[in-house]
Amino acid sequence: MKRLPLRTILLVLLLIAIPMVSSAASTAPTPILQNPLSCPDLLCLFLQVIRIFLSALAVFATFMFMYGGFHLISSGGNPEKVQKGKDTLAWAALGLVTILGSWVVIQVILQTTTGVTT
């Protein structure tokens, strides 16, 4: 087995010792990191993400209502466009019911497991 030269051993020890000595000599105060979020815990963060997600879905469903209404108004009696408008309105309504239902389910789960009300 080949032995390492003394220079290599000293170089490795020097590279290990320099950071320890320089950090020990530092008298600068440690920085305090501020929390950029308004949530102190993971549950609060989860609730905010869910609230934002469901709000975005509700806005999207509202735009789909307007899109379906536009198709109905601009159909000009064309049965295909009328049917497309009705289908869009029906799916938008189903989407809103699903969004509200998921919000209720999340509220019930949170109240029964953690006692948190939002």
PDB file of N, CA and C in Angstrom:
ATOM      1  N   MET A   1       0.842  -1.165   0.000  1.00  0.00           N
ATOM      2  CA  MET A   1       0.000   0.000   0.000  1.00  0.00           C
ATOM      3  C   MET A   1       0.894   1.237   0.000  1.00  0.00           C
ATOM      4  N   LYS A   2       0.545   2.182  -0.813  1.00  0.00           N
ATOM      5  CA  LYS A   2       1.353   3.370  -0.986  1.00  0.00           C
ATOM      6  C   LYS A   2       0.979   4.413   0.074  1.00  0.00           C
ATOM      7  N   ARG A   3       1.982   5.029   0.677  1.00  0.00           N
ATOM      8  CA  ARG A   3       1.744   6.048   1.703  1.00  0.00           C
ATOM      9  C   ARG A   3       1.621   7.413   1.049  1.00  0.00           C
ATOM     10  N   LEU A   4       0.790   8.252   1.660  1.00  0.00           N
ATOM     11  CA  LEU A   4       0.640   9.617   1.178  1.00  0.00           C
ATOM     12  C   LEU A   4       1.852  10.444   1.598  1.00  0.00           C
ATOM     13  N   PRO A   5       2.298  11.339   0.736  1.00  0.00           N
ATOM     14  CA  PRO A   5       3.411  12.194   1.122  1.00  0.00           C
ATOM     15  C   PRO A   5       2.994  13.160   2.226  1.00  0.00           C
ATOM     16  N   LEU A   6       3.951  13.607   2.993  1.00  0.00           N
ATOM     17  CA  LEU A   6       3.704  14.501   4.119  1.00  0.00           C
ATOM     18  C   LEU A   6       3.088  15.814   3.655  1.00  0.00           C
ATOM     19  N   ARG A   7       3.484  16.292   2.471  1.00  0.00           N
ATOM     20  CA  ARG A   7       2.921  17.541   1.948  1.00  0.00           C
ATOM     21  C   ARG A   7       1.415  17.413   1.734  1.00  0.00           C
ATOM     22  N   THR A   8       0.938  16.301   1.234  1.00  0.00           N
ATOM     23  CA  THR A   8      -0.494  16.097   0.987  1.00  0.00           C
ATOM     24  C   THR A   8      -1.267  16.071   2.293  1.00  0.00           C
ATOM     25  N   ILE A   9      -0.723  15.401   3.284  1.00  0.00           N
ATOM     26  CA  ILE A   9      -1.394  15.338   4.586  1.00  0.00           C
ATOM     27  C   ILE A   9      -1.482  16.728   5.206  1.00  0.00           C
ATOM     28  N   LEU A  10      -0.382  17.496   5.156  1.00  0.00           N
ATOM     29  CA  LEU A  10      -0.393  18.849   5.710  1.00  0.00           C
ATOM     30  C   LEU A  10      -1.359  19.759   4.954  1.00  0.00           C
ATOM     31  N   LEU A  11      -1.426  19.610   3.639  1.00  0.00           N
ATOM     32  CA  LEU A  11      -2.343  20.422   2.846  1.00  0.00           C
ATOM     33  C   LEU A  11      -3.792  20.126   3.208  1.00  0.00           C
ATOM     34  N   VAL A  12      -4.141  18.877   3.368  1.00  0.00           N
ATOM     35  CA  VAL A  12      -5.508  18.504   3.746  1.00  0.00           C
ATOM     36  C   VAL A  12      -5.847  19.040   5.132  1.00  0.00           C
ATOM     37  N   LEU A  13      -4.919  18.895   6.087  1.00  0.00           N
ATOM     38  CA  LEU A  13      -5.161  19.424   7.430  1.00  0.00           C
ATOM     39  C   LEU A  13      -5.311  20.936   7.421  1.00  0.00           C
ATOM     40  N   LEU A  14      -4.530  21.622   6.596  1.00  0.00           N
ATOM     41  CA  LEU A  14      -4.610  23.067   6.485  1.00  0.00           C
ATOM     42  C   LEU A  14      -5.948  23.484   5.888  1.00  0.00           C
ATOM     43  N   LEU A  15      -6.402  22.776   4.883  1.00  0.00           N
ATOM     44  CA  LEU A  15      -7.694  23.085   4.267  1.00  0.00           C
ATOM     45  C   LEU A  15      -8.857  22.831   5.216  1.00  0.00           C
ATOM     46  N   ILE A  16      -8.702  21.906   6.115  1.00  0.00           N
ATOM     47  CA  ILE A  16      -9.744  21.642   7.111  1.00  0.00           C
ATOM     48  C   ILE A  16      -9.686  22.674   8.221  1.00  0.00           C
ATOM     49  N   ALA A  17      -8.497  23.098   8.620  1.00  0.00           N
ATOM     50  CA  ALA A  17      -8.336  23.983   9.769  1.00  0.00           C
ATOM     51  C   ALA A  17      -8.668  25.435   9.452  1.00  0.00           C
ATOM     52  N   ILE A  18      -8.427  25.915   8.238  1.00  0.00           N
ATOM     53  CA  ILE A  18      -8.645  27.327   7.914  1.00  0.00           C
ATOM     54  C   ILE A  18     -10.105  27.738   8.102  1.00  0.00           C
ATOM     55  N   PRO A  19     -11.091  27.012   7.605  1.00  0.00           N
ATOM     56  CA  PRO A  19     -12.471  27.450   7.839  1.00  0.00           C
ATOM     57  C   PRO A  19     -12.855  27.446   9.321  1.00  0.00           C
ATOM     58  N   MET A  20     -12.342  26.504  10.090  1.00  0.00           N
ATOM     59  CA  MET A  20     -12.677  26.467  11.517  1.00  0.00           C
ATOM     60  C   MET A  20     -12.088  27.665  12.236  1.00  0.00           C
ATOM     61  N   VAL A  21     -10.867  28.041  11.909  1.00  0.00           N
ATOM     62  CA  VAL A  21     -10.219  29.178  12.561  1.00  0.00           C
ATOM     63  C   VAL A  21     -10.902  30.474  12.157  1.00  0.00           C
ATOM     64  N   SER A  22     -11.246  30.612  10.886  1.00  0.00           N
ATOM     65  CA  SER A  22     -11.859  31.861  10.436  1.00  0.00           C
ATOM     66  C   SER A  22     -13.273  32.009  10.992  1.00  0.00           C
ATOM     67  N   SER A  23     -14.011  30.933  11.152  1.00  0.00           N
ATOM     68  CA  SER A  23     -15.356  31.054  11.720  1.00  0.00           C
ATOM     69  C   SER A  23     -15.295  31.307  13.215  1.00  0.00           C
ATOM     70  N   ALA A  24     -14.272  30.826  13.887  1.00  0.00           N
ATOM     71  CA  ALA A  24     -14.130  31.081  15.320  1.00  0.00           C
ATOM     72  C   ALA A  24     -13.746  32.529  15.580  1.00  0.00           C
ATOM     73  N   ALA A  25     -13.027  33.161  14.661  1.00  0.00           N
ATOM     74  CA  ALA A  25     -12.585  34.533  14.847  1.00  0.00           C
ATOM     75  C   ALA A  25     -13.684  35.533  14.494  1.00  0.00           C
ATOM     76  N   SER A  26     -14.729  35.095  13.863  1.00  0.00           N
ATOM     77  CA  SER A  26     -15.796  35.992  13.449  1.00  0.00           C
ATOM     78  C   SER A  26     -16.614  36.437  14.660  1.00  0.00           C
ATOM     79  N   THR A  27     -16.778  37.744  14.794  1.00  0.00           N
ATOM     80  CA  THR A  27     -17.579  38.280  15.902  1.00  0.00           C
ATOM     81  C   THR A  27     -18.861  38.913  15.393  1.00  0.00           C
ATOM     82  N   ALA A  28     -19.160  38.757  14.120  1.00  0.00           N
ATOM     83  CA  ALA A  28     -20.371  39.333  13.556  1.00  0.00           C
ATOM     84  C   ALA A  28     -21.584  38.597  14.117  1.00  0.00           C
ATOM     85  N   PRO A  29     -22.638  39.335  14.431  1.00  0.00           N
ATOM     86  CA  PRO A  29     -23.840  38.660  14.938  1.00  0.00           C
ATOM     87  C   PRO A  29     -24.496  37.824  13.851  1.00  0.00           C
ATOM     88  N   THR A  30     -25.101  36.760  14.261  1.00  0.00           N
ATOM     89  CA  THR A  30     -25.775  35.909  13.292  1.00  0.00           C
ATOM     90  C   THR A  30     -27.039  36.606  12.815  1.00  0.00           C
ATOM     91  N   PRO A  31     -27.294  36.583  11.514  1.00  0.00           N
ATOM     92  CA  PRO A  31     -28.480  37.276  11.003  1.00  0.00           C
ATOM     93  C   PRO A  31     -29.756  36.552  11.411  1.00  0.00           C
ATOM     94  N   ILE A  32     -30.784  37.316  11.654  1.00  0.00           N
ATOM     95  CA  ILE A  32     -32.090  36.752  11.995  1.00  0.00           C
ATOM     96  C   ILE A  32     -32.941  36.777  10.734  1.00  0.00           C
ATOM     97  N   LEU A  33     -33.385  35.619  10.327  1.00  0.00           N
ATOM     98  CA  LEU A  33     -34.202  35.520   9.127  1.00  0.00           C
ATOM     99  C   LEU A  33     -35.654  35.809   9.464  1.00  0.00           C
ATOM    100  N   GLN A  34     -36.246  36.708   8.719  1.00  0.00           N
ATOM    101  CA  GLN A  34     -37.648  37.033   8.903  1.00  0.00           C
ATOM    102  C   GLN A  34     -38.507  36.088   8.065  1.00  0.00           C
ATOM    103  N   ASN A  35     -39.634  35.717   8.596  1.00  0.00           N
ATOM    104  CA  ASN A  35     -40.555  34.847   7.886  1.00  0.00           C
ATOM    105  C   ASN A  35     -41.301  35.674   6.840  1.00  0.00           C
ATOM    106  N   PRO A  36     -41.128  35.399   5.541  1.00  0.00           N
ATOM    107  CA  PRO A  36     -41.822  36.189   4.525  1.00  0.00           C
ATOM    108  C   PRO A  36     -43.305  35.841   4.413  1.00  0.00           C
ATOM    109  N   LEU A  37     -43.704  34.747   5.003  1.00  0.00           N
ATOM    110  CA  LEU A  37     -45.101  34.334   4.957  1.00  0.00           C
ATOM    111  C   LEU A  37     -45.821  34.833   6.197  1.00  0.00           C
ATOM    112  N   SER A  38     -47.105  34.966   6.084  1.00  0.00           N
ATOM    113  CA  SER A  38     -47.873  35.395   7.244  1.00  0.00           C
ATOM    114  C   SER A  38     -48.314  34.207   8.093  1.00  0.00           C
ATOM    115  N   CYS A  39     -47.866  33.020   7.740  1.00  0.00           N
ATOM    116  CA  CYS A  39     -48.274  31.807   8.448  1.00  0.00           C
ATOM    117  C   CYS A  39     -47.170  31.333   9.397  1.00  0.00           C
ATOM    118  N   PRO A  40     -47.545  31.038  10.626  1.00  0.00           N
ATOM    119  CA  PRO A  40     -46.542  30.522  11.552  1.00  0.00           C
ATOM    120  C   PRO A  40     -46.324  29.012  11.433  1.00  0.00           C
ATOM    121  N   ASP A  41     -47.271  28.296  10.821  1.00  0.00           N
ATOM    122  CA  ASP A  41     -47.132  26.844  10.753  1.00  0.00           C
ATOM    123  C   ASP A  41     -47.590  26.319   9.403  1.00  0.00           C
ATOM    124  N   LEU A  42     -47.417  25.024   9.211  1.00  0.00           N
ATOM    125  CA  LEU A  42     -47.717  24.386   7.941  1.00  0.00           C
ATOM    126  C   LEU A  42     -49.224  24.323   7.668  1.00  0.00           C
ATOM    127  N   LEU A  43     -50.025  24.179   8.696  1.00  0.00           N
ATOM    128  CA  LEU A  43     -51.474  24.116   8.511  1.00  0.00           C
ATOM    129  C   LEU A  43     -52.004  25.436   7.962  1.00  0.00           C
ATOM    130  N   CYS A  44     -51.514  26.537   8.488  1.00  0.00           N
ATOM    131  CA  CYS A  44     -51.923  27.850   8.001  1.00  0.00           C
ATOM    132  C   CYS A  44     -51.519  28.031   6.542  1.00  0.00           C
ATOM    133  N   LEU A  45     -50.323  27.597   6.190  1.00  0.00           N
ATOM    134  CA  LEU A  45     -49.865  27.687   4.804  1.00  0.00           C
ATOM    135  C   LEU A  45     -50.742  26.836   3.894  1.00  0.00           C
ATOM    136  N   PHE A  46     -51.084  25.647   4.338  1.00  0.00           N
ATOM    137  CA  PHE A  46     -51.957  24.761   3.573  1.00  0.00           C
ATOM    138  C   PHE A  46     -53.315  25.423   3.337  1.00  0.00           C
ATOM    139  N   LEU A  47     -53.866  26.044   4.374  1.00  0.00           N
ATOM    140  CA  LEU A  47     -55.165  26.703   4.236  1.00  0.00           C
ATOM    141  C   LEU A  47     -55.105  27.872   3.268  1.00  0.00           C
ATOM    142  N   GLN A  48     -54.034  28.627   3.298  1.00  0.00           N
ATOM    143  CA  GLN A  48     -53.909  29.748   2.366  1.00  0.00           C
ATOM    144  C   GLN A  48     -53.783  29.266   0.923  1.00  0.00           C
ATOM    145  N   VAL A  49     -53.021  28.207   0.705  1.00  0.00           N
ATOM    146  CA  VAL A  49     -52.870  27.675  -0.654  1.00  0.00           C
ATOM    147  C   VAL A  49     -54.214  27.153  -1.162  1.00  0.00           C
ATOM    148  N   ILE A  50     -54.939  26.435  -0.330  1.00  0.00           N
ATOM    149  CA  ILE A  50     -56.254  25.917  -0.726  1.00  0.00           C
ATOM    150  C   ILE A  50     -57.219  27.058  -1.002  1.00  0.00           C
ATOM    151  N   ARG A  51     -57.210  28.078  -0.166  1.00  0.00           N
ATOM    152  CA  ARG A  51     -58.110  29.223  -0.350  1.00  0.00           C
ATOM    153  C   ARG A  51     -57.806  29.936  -1.670  1.00  0.00           C
ATOM    154  N   ILE A  52     -56.545  30.141  -1.981  1.00  0.00           N
ATOM    155  CA  ILE A  52     -56.172  30.804  -3.233  1.00  0.00           C
ATOM    156  C   ILE A  52     -56.552  29.943  -4.433  1.00  0.00           C
ATOM    157  N   PHE A  53     -56.310  28.640  -4.334  1.00  0.00           N
ATOM    158  CA  PHE A  53     -56.629  27.724  -5.429  1.00  0.00           C
ATOM    159  C   PHE A  53     -58.136  27.692  -5.699  1.00  0.00           C
ATOM    160  N   LEU A  54     -58.941  27.580  -4.649  1.00  0.00           N
ATOM    161  CA  LEU A  54     -60.389  27.532  -4.838  1.00  0.00           C
ATOM    162  C   LEU A  54     -60.923  28.870  -5.335  1.00  0.00           C
ATOM    163  N   SER A  55     -60.319  29.961  -4.905  1.00  0.00           N
ATOM    164  CA  SER A  55     -60.745  31.279  -5.403  1.00  0.00           C
ATOM    165  C   SER A  55     -60.452  31.413  -6.889  1.00  0.00           C
ATOM    166  N   ALA A  56     -59.293  30.946  -7.312  1.00  0.00           N
ATOM    167  CA  ALA A  56     -58.949  31.003  -8.737  1.00  0.00           C
ATOM    168  C   ALA A  56     -59.909  30.143  -9.561  1.00  0.00           C
ATOM    169  N   LEU A  57     -60.271  28.986  -9.021  1.00  0.00           N
ATOM    170  CA  LEU A  57     -61.235  28.140  -9.731  1.00  0.00           C
ATOM    171  C   LEU A  57     -62.608  28.800  -9.818  1.00  0.00           C
ATOM    172  N   ALA A  58     -63.011  29.498  -8.763  1.00  0.00           N
ATOM    173  CA  ALA A  58     -64.305  30.187  -8.786  1.00  0.00           C
ATOM    174  C   ALA A  58     -64.297  31.318  -9.809  1.00  0.00           C
ATOM    175  N   VAL A  59     -63.188  32.031  -9.919  1.00  0.00           N
ATOM    176  CA  VAL A  59     -63.080  33.086 -10.934  1.00  0.00           C
ATOM    177  C   VAL A  59     -63.147  32.470 -12.333  1.00  0.00           C
ATOM    178  N   PHE A  60     -62.474  31.343 -12.521  1.00  0.00           N
ATOM    179  CA  PHE A  60     -62.518  30.669 -13.817  1.00  0.00           C
ATOM    180  C   PHE A  60     -63.941  30.218 -14.154  1.00  0.00           C
ATOM    181  N   ALA A  61     -64.665  29.683 -13.170  1.00  0.00           N
ATOM    182  CA  ALA A  61     -66.047  29.250 -13.410  1.00  0.00           C
ATOM    183  C   ALA A  61     -66.928  30.447 -13.759  1.00  0.00           C
ATOM    184  N   THR A  62     -66.670  31.603 -13.141  1.00  0.00           N
ATOM    185  CA  THR A  62     -67.435  32.808 -13.465  1.00  0.00           C
ATOM    186  C   THR A  62     -67.187  33.222 -14.911  1.00  0.00           C
ATOM    187  N   PHE A  63     -65.927  33.171 -15.343  1.00  0.00           N
ATOM    188  CA  PHE A  63     -65.634  33.484 -16.740  1.00  0.00           C
ATOM    189  C   PHE A  63     -66.292  32.481 -17.684  1.00  0.00           C
ATOM    190  N   MET A  64     -66.382  31.248 -17.272  1.00  0.00           N
ATOM    191  CA  MET A  64     -67.051  30.258 -18.114  1.00  0.00           C
ATOM    192  C   MET A  64     -68.552  30.544 -18.216  1.00  0.00           C
ATOM    193  N   PHE A  65     -69.148  31.059 -17.138  1.00  0.00           N
ATOM    194  CA  PHE A  65     -70.547  31.494 -17.216  1.00  0.00           C
ATOM    195  C   PHE A  65     -70.698  32.602 -18.251  1.00  0.00           C
ATOM    196  N   MET A  66     -69.794  33.555 -18.219  1.00  0.00           N
ATOM    197  CA  MET A  66     -69.866  34.656 -19.190  1.00  0.00           C
ATOM    198  C   MET A  66     -69.649  34.139 -20.611  1.00  0.00           C
ATOM    199  N   TYR A  67     -68.744  33.190 -20.781  1.00  0.00           N
ATOM    200  CA  TYR A  67     -68.479  32.607 -22.096  1.00  0.00           C
ATOM    201  C   TYR A  67     -69.717  31.870 -22.615  1.00  0.00           C
ATOM    202  N   GLY A  68     -70.352  31.089 -21.746  1.00  0.00           N
ATOM    203  CA  GLY A  68     -71.568  30.381 -22.147  1.00  0.00           C
ATOM    204  C   GLY A  68     -72.701  31.344 -22.463  1.00  0.00           C
ATOM    205  N   GLY A  69     -72.828  32.405 -21.668  1.00  0.00           N
ATOM    206  CA  GLY A  69     -73.852  33.412 -21.959  1.00  0.00           C
ATOM    207  C   GLY A  69     -73.576  34.120 -23.275  1.00  0.00           C
ATOM    208  N   PHE A  70     -72.312  34.391 -23.574  1.00  0.00           N
ATOM    209  CA  PHE A  70     -71.963  35.011 -24.849  1.00  0.00           C
ATOM    210  C   PHE A  70     -72.362  34.113 -26.006  1.00  0.00           C
ATOM    211  N   HIS A  71     -72.139  32.808 -25.867  1.00  0.00           N
ATOM    212  CA  HIS A  71     -72.545  31.882 -26.934  1.00  0.00           C
ATOM    213  C   HIS A  71     -74.059  31.882 -27.118  1.00  0.00           C
ATOM    214  N   LEU A  72     -74.797  31.957 -26.030  1.00  0.00           N
ATOM    215  CA  LEU A  72     -76.255  31.988 -26.151  1.00  0.00           C
ATOM    216  C   LEU A  72     -76.726  33.271 -26.824  1.00  0.00           C
ATOM    217  N   ILE A  73     -76.121  34.401 -26.434  1.00  0.00           N
ATOM    218  CA  ILE A  73     -76.546  35.682 -27.004  1.00  0.00           C
ATOM    219  C   ILE A  73     -76.167  35.783 -28.474  1.00  0.00           C
ATOM    220  N   SER A  74     -74.984  35.318 -28.814  1.00  0.00           N
ATOM    221  CA  SER A  74     -74.498  35.471 -30.192  1.00  0.00           C
ATOM    222  C   SER A  74     -74.865  34.290 -31.087  1.00  0.00           C
ATOM    223  N   SER A  75     -75.725  33.398 -30.634  1.00  0.00           N
ATOM    224  CA  SER A  75     -76.049  32.213 -31.435  1.00  0.00           C
ATOM    225  C   SER A  75     -76.869  32.570 -32.666  1.00  0.00           C
ATOM    226  N   GLY A  76     -77.684  33.581 -32.578  1.00  0.00           N
ATOM    227  CA  GLY A  76     -78.495  33.970 -33.740  1.00  0.00           C
ATOM    228  C   GLY A  76     -79.487  32.898 -34.140  1.00  0.00           C
ATOM    229  N   GLY A  77     -79.906  32.083 -33.203  1.00  0.00           N
ATOM    230  CA  GLY A  77     -80.871  31.038 -33.504  1.00  0.00           C
ATOM    231  C   GLY A  77     -80.245  29.744 -33.986  1.00  0.00           C
ATOM    232  N   ASN A  78     -78.940  29.702 -34.124  1.00  0.00           N
ATOM    233  CA  ASN A  78     -78.250  28.494 -34.562  1.00  0.00           C
ATOM    234  C   ASN A  78     -78.325  27.468 -33.424  1.00  0.00           C
ATOM    235  N   PRO A  79     -78.989  26.313 -33.671  1.00  0.00           N
ATOM    236  CA  PRO A  79     -79.178  25.338 -32.590  1.00  0.00           C
ATOM    237  C   PRO A  79     -77.868  24.774 -32.033  1.00  0.00           C
ATOM    238  N   GLU A  80     -76.836  24.678 -32.860  1.00  0.00           N
ATOM    239  CA  GLU A  80     -75.556  24.155 -32.376  1.00  0.00           C
ATOM    240  C   GLU A  80     -74.913  25.113 -31.383  1.00  0.00           C
ATOM    241  N   LYS A  81     -74.955  26.425 -31.698  1.00  0.00           N
ATOM    242  CA  LYS A  81     -74.378  27.407 -30.792  1.00  0.00           C
ATOM    243  C   LYS A  81     -75.204  27.531 -29.512  1.00  0.00           C
ATOM    244  N   VAL A  82     -76.526  27.419 -29.644  1.00  0.00           N
ATOM    245  CA  VAL A  82     -77.385  27.461 -28.451  1.00  0.00           C
ATOM    246  C   VAL A  82     -77.051  26.277 -27.542  1.00  0.00           C
ATOM    247  N   GLN A  83     -76.915  25.101 -28.135  1.00  0.00           N
ATOM    248  CA  GLN A  83     -76.587  23.911 -27.348  1.00  0.00           C
ATOM    249  C   GLN A  83     -75.202  24.047 -26.707  1.00  0.00           C
ATOM    250  N   LYS A  84     -74.231  24.605 -27.458  1.00  0.00           N
ATOM    251  CA  LYS A  84     -72.902  24.810 -26.908  1.00  0.00           C
ATOM    252  C   LYS A  84     -72.942  25.774 -25.728  1.00  0.00           C
ATOM    253  N   GLY A  85     -73.727  26.841 -25.834  1.00  0.00           N
ATOM    254  CA  GLY A  85     -73.877  27.798 -24.734  1.00  0.00           C
ATOM    255  C   GLY A  85     -74.519  27.163 -23.512  1.00  0.00           C
ATOM    256  N   LYS A  86     -75.558  26.359 -23.735  1.00  0.00           N
ATOM    257  CA  LYS A  86     -76.234  25.678 -22.623  1.00  0.00           C
ATOM    258  C   LYS A  86     -75.299  24.682 -21.942  1.00  0.00           C
ATOM    259  N   ASP A  87     -74.535  23.950 -22.755  1.00  0.00           N
ATOM    260  CA  ASP A  87     -73.586  22.988 -22.177  1.00  0.00           C
ATOM    261  C   ASP A  87     -72.505  23.691 -21.358  1.00  0.00           C
ATOM    262  N   THR A  88     -72.025  24.815 -21.871  1.00  0.00           N
ATOM    263  CA  THR A  88     -71.000  25.566 -21.141  1.00  0.00           C
ATOM    264  C   THR A  88     -71.553  26.078 -19.820  1.00  0.00           C
ATOM    265  N   LEU A  89     -72.791  26.584 -19.834  1.00  0.00           N
ATOM    266  CA  LEU A  89     -73.409  27.056 -18.594  1.00  0.00           C
ATOM    267  C   LEU A  89     -73.618  25.904 -17.606  1.00  0.00           C
ATOM    268  N   ALA A  90     -74.026  24.753 -18.112  1.00  0.00           N
ATOM    269  CA  ALA A  90     -74.245  23.604 -17.233  1.00  0.00           C
ATOM    270  C   ALA A  90     -72.935  23.132 -16.600  1.00  0.00           C
ATOM    271  N   TRP A  91     -71.870  23.062 -17.410  1.00  0.00           N
ATOM    272  CA  TRP A  91     -70.581  22.620 -16.868  1.00  0.00           C
ATOM    273  C   TRP A  91     -69.993  23.650 -15.902  1.00  0.00           C
ATOM    274  N   ALA A  92     -70.218  24.926 -16.174  1.00  0.00           N
ATOM    275  CA  ALA A  92     -69.744  25.959 -15.249  1.00  0.00           C
ATOM    276  C   ALA A  92     -70.488  25.860 -13.913  1.00  0.00           C
ATOM    277  N   ALA A  93     -71.792  25.596 -13.975  1.00  0.00           N
ATOM    278  CA  ALA A  93     -72.561  25.426 -12.737  1.00  0.00           C
ATOM    279  C   ALA A  93     -72.086  24.196 -11.970  1.00  0.00           C
ATOM    280  N   LEU A  94     -71.835  23.113 -12.689  1.00  0.00           N
ATOM    281  CA  LEU A  94     -71.311  21.912 -12.037  1.00  0.00           C
ATOM    282  C   LEU A  94     -69.936  22.175 -11.421  1.00  0.00           C
ATOM    283  N   GLY A  95     -69.124  22.966 -12.107  1.00  0.00           N
ATOM    284  CA  GLY A  95     -67.817  23.326 -11.563  1.00  0.00           C
ATOM    285  C   GLY A  95     -67.943  24.136 -10.281  1.00  0.00           C
ATOM    286  N   LEU A  96     -68.865  25.091 -10.247  1.00  0.00           N
ATOM    287  CA  LEU A  96     -69.070  25.875  -9.025  1.00  0.00           C
ATOM    288  C   LEU A  96     -69.581  25.010  -7.882  1.00  0.00           C
ATOM    289  N   VAL A  97     -70.474  24.088  -8.175  1.00  0.00           N
ATOM    290  CA  VAL A  97     -70.970  23.183  -7.132  1.00  0.00           C
ATOM    291  C   VAL A  97     -69.821  22.322  -6.605  1.00  0.00           C
ATOM    292  N   THR A  98     -68.966  21.852  -7.490  1.00  0.00           N
ATOM    293  CA  THR A  98     -67.812  21.052  -7.075  1.00  0.00           C
ATOM    294  C   THR A  98     -66.846  21.871  -6.227  1.00  0.00           C
ATOM    295  N   ILE A  99     -66.604  23.108  -6.607  1.00  0.00           N
ATOM    296  CA  ILE A  99     -65.710  23.980  -5.843  1.00  0.00           C
ATOM    297  C   ILE A  99     -66.261  24.218  -4.446  1.00  0.00           C
ATOM    298  N   LEU A 100     -67.544  24.561  -4.368  1.00  0.00           N
ATOM    299  CA  LEU A 100     -68.155  24.800  -3.055  1.00  0.00           C
ATOM    300  C   LEU A 100     -68.196  23.516  -2.226  1.00  0.00           C
ATOM    301  N   GLY A 101     -68.464  22.394  -2.872  1.00  0.00           N
ATOM    302  CA  GLY A 101     -68.473  21.118  -2.155  1.00  0.00           C
ATOM    303  C   GLY A 101     -67.098  20.756  -1.611  1.00  0.00           C
ATOM    304  N   SER A 102     -66.057  20.997  -2.382  1.00  0.00           N
ATOM    305  CA  SER A 102     -64.710  20.693  -1.888  1.00  0.00           C
ATOM    306  C   SER A 102     -64.333  21.618  -0.740  1.00  0.00           C
ATOM    307  N   TRP A 103     -64.774  22.870  -0.801  1.00  0.00           N
ATOM    308  CA  TRP A 103     -64.510  23.785   0.298  1.00  0.00           C
ATOM    309  C   TRP A 103     -65.204  23.299   1.581  1.00  0.00           C
ATOM    310  N   VAL A 104     -66.450  22.832   1.461  1.00  0.00           N
ATOM    311  CA  VAL A 104     -67.181  22.319   2.620  1.00  0.00           C
ATOM    312  C   VAL A 104     -66.491  21.077   3.177  1.00  0.00           C
ATOM    313  N   VAL A 105     -66.049  20.177   2.304  1.00  0.00           N
ATOM    314  CA  VAL A 105     -65.370  18.959   2.755  1.00  0.00           C
ATOM    315  C   VAL A 105     -64.085  19.308   3.494  1.00  0.00           C
ATOM    316  N   ILE A 106     -63.312  20.251   2.968  1.00  0.00           N
ATOM    317  CA  ILE A 106     -62.073  20.670   3.627  1.00  0.00           C
ATOM    318  C   ILE A 106     -62.379  21.282   4.993  1.00  0.00           C
ATOM    319  N   GLN A 107     -63.421  22.104   5.077  1.00  0.00           N
ATOM    320  CA  GLN A 107     -63.796  22.712   6.350  1.00  0.00           C
ATOM    321  C   GLN A 107     -64.190  21.653   7.375  1.00  0.00           C
ATOM    322  N   VAL A 108     -64.975  20.681   6.961  1.00  0.00           N
ATOM    323  CA  VAL A 108     -65.406  19.624   7.882  1.00  0.00           C
ATOM    324  C   VAL A 108     -64.207  18.807   8.354  1.00  0.00           C
ATOM    325  N   ILE A 109     -63.319  18.456   7.447  1.00  0.00           N
ATOM    326  CA  ILE A 109     -62.137  17.680   7.832  1.00  0.00           C
ATOM    327  C   ILE A 109     -61.268  18.466   8.800  1.00  0.00           C
ATOM    328  N   LEU A 110     -61.053  19.745   8.536  1.00  0.00           N
ATOM    329  CA  LEU A 110     -60.225  20.557   9.425  1.00  0.00           C
ATOM    330  C   LEU A 110     -60.870  20.737  10.795  1.00  0.00           C
ATOM    331  N   GLN A 111     -62.168  20.943  10.833  1.00  0.00           N
ATOM    332  CA  GLN A 111     -62.843  21.124  12.114  1.00  0.00           C
ATOM    333  C   GLN A 111     -62.849  19.864  12.953  1.00  0.00           C
ATOM    334  N   THR A 112     -62.986  18.722  12.295  1.00  0.00           N
ATOM    335  CA  THR A 112     -63.025  17.478  13.073  1.00  0.00           C
ATOM    336  C   THR A 112     -61.643  17.012  13.504  1.00  0.00           C
ATOM    337  N   THR A 113     -60.616  17.294  12.703  1.00  0.00           N
ATOM    338  CA  THR A 113     -59.292  16.807  13.053  1.00  0.00           C
ATOM    339  C   THR A 113     -58.486  17.778  13.905  1.00  0.00           C
ATOM    340  N   THR A 114     -58.587  19.071  13.596  1.00  0.00           N
ATOM    341  CA  THR A 114     -57.742  20.043  14.296  1.00  0.00           C
ATOM    342  C   THR A 114     -58.537  21.042  15.122  1.00  0.00           C
ATOM    343  N   GLY A 115     -59.813  21.185  14.868  1.00  0.00           N
ATOM    344  CA  GLY A 115     -60.608  22.175  15.575  1.00  0.00           C
ATOM    345  C   GLY A 115     -60.428  23.589  15.038  1.00  0.00           C
ATOM    346  N   VAL A 116     -59.730  23.725  13.893  1.00  0.00           N
ATOM    347  CA  VAL A 116     -59.489  25.032  13.297  1.00  0.00           C
ATOM    348  C   VAL A 116     -60.685  25.409  12.441  1.00  0.00           C
ATOM    349  N   THR A 117     -61.137  26.647  12.606  1.00  0.00           N
ATOM    350  CA  THR A 117     -62.205  27.162  11.756  1.00  0.00           C
ATOM    351  C   THR A 117     -61.646  28.333  10.956  1.00  0.00           C
ATOM    352  N   THR A 118     -61.999  28.380   9.688  1.00  0.00           N
ATOM    353  CA  THR A 118     -61.498  29.466   8.838  1.00  0.00           C
ATOM    354  C   THR A 118     -62.628  30.312   8.327  1.00  0.00           C
TER     355      THR A 118
END
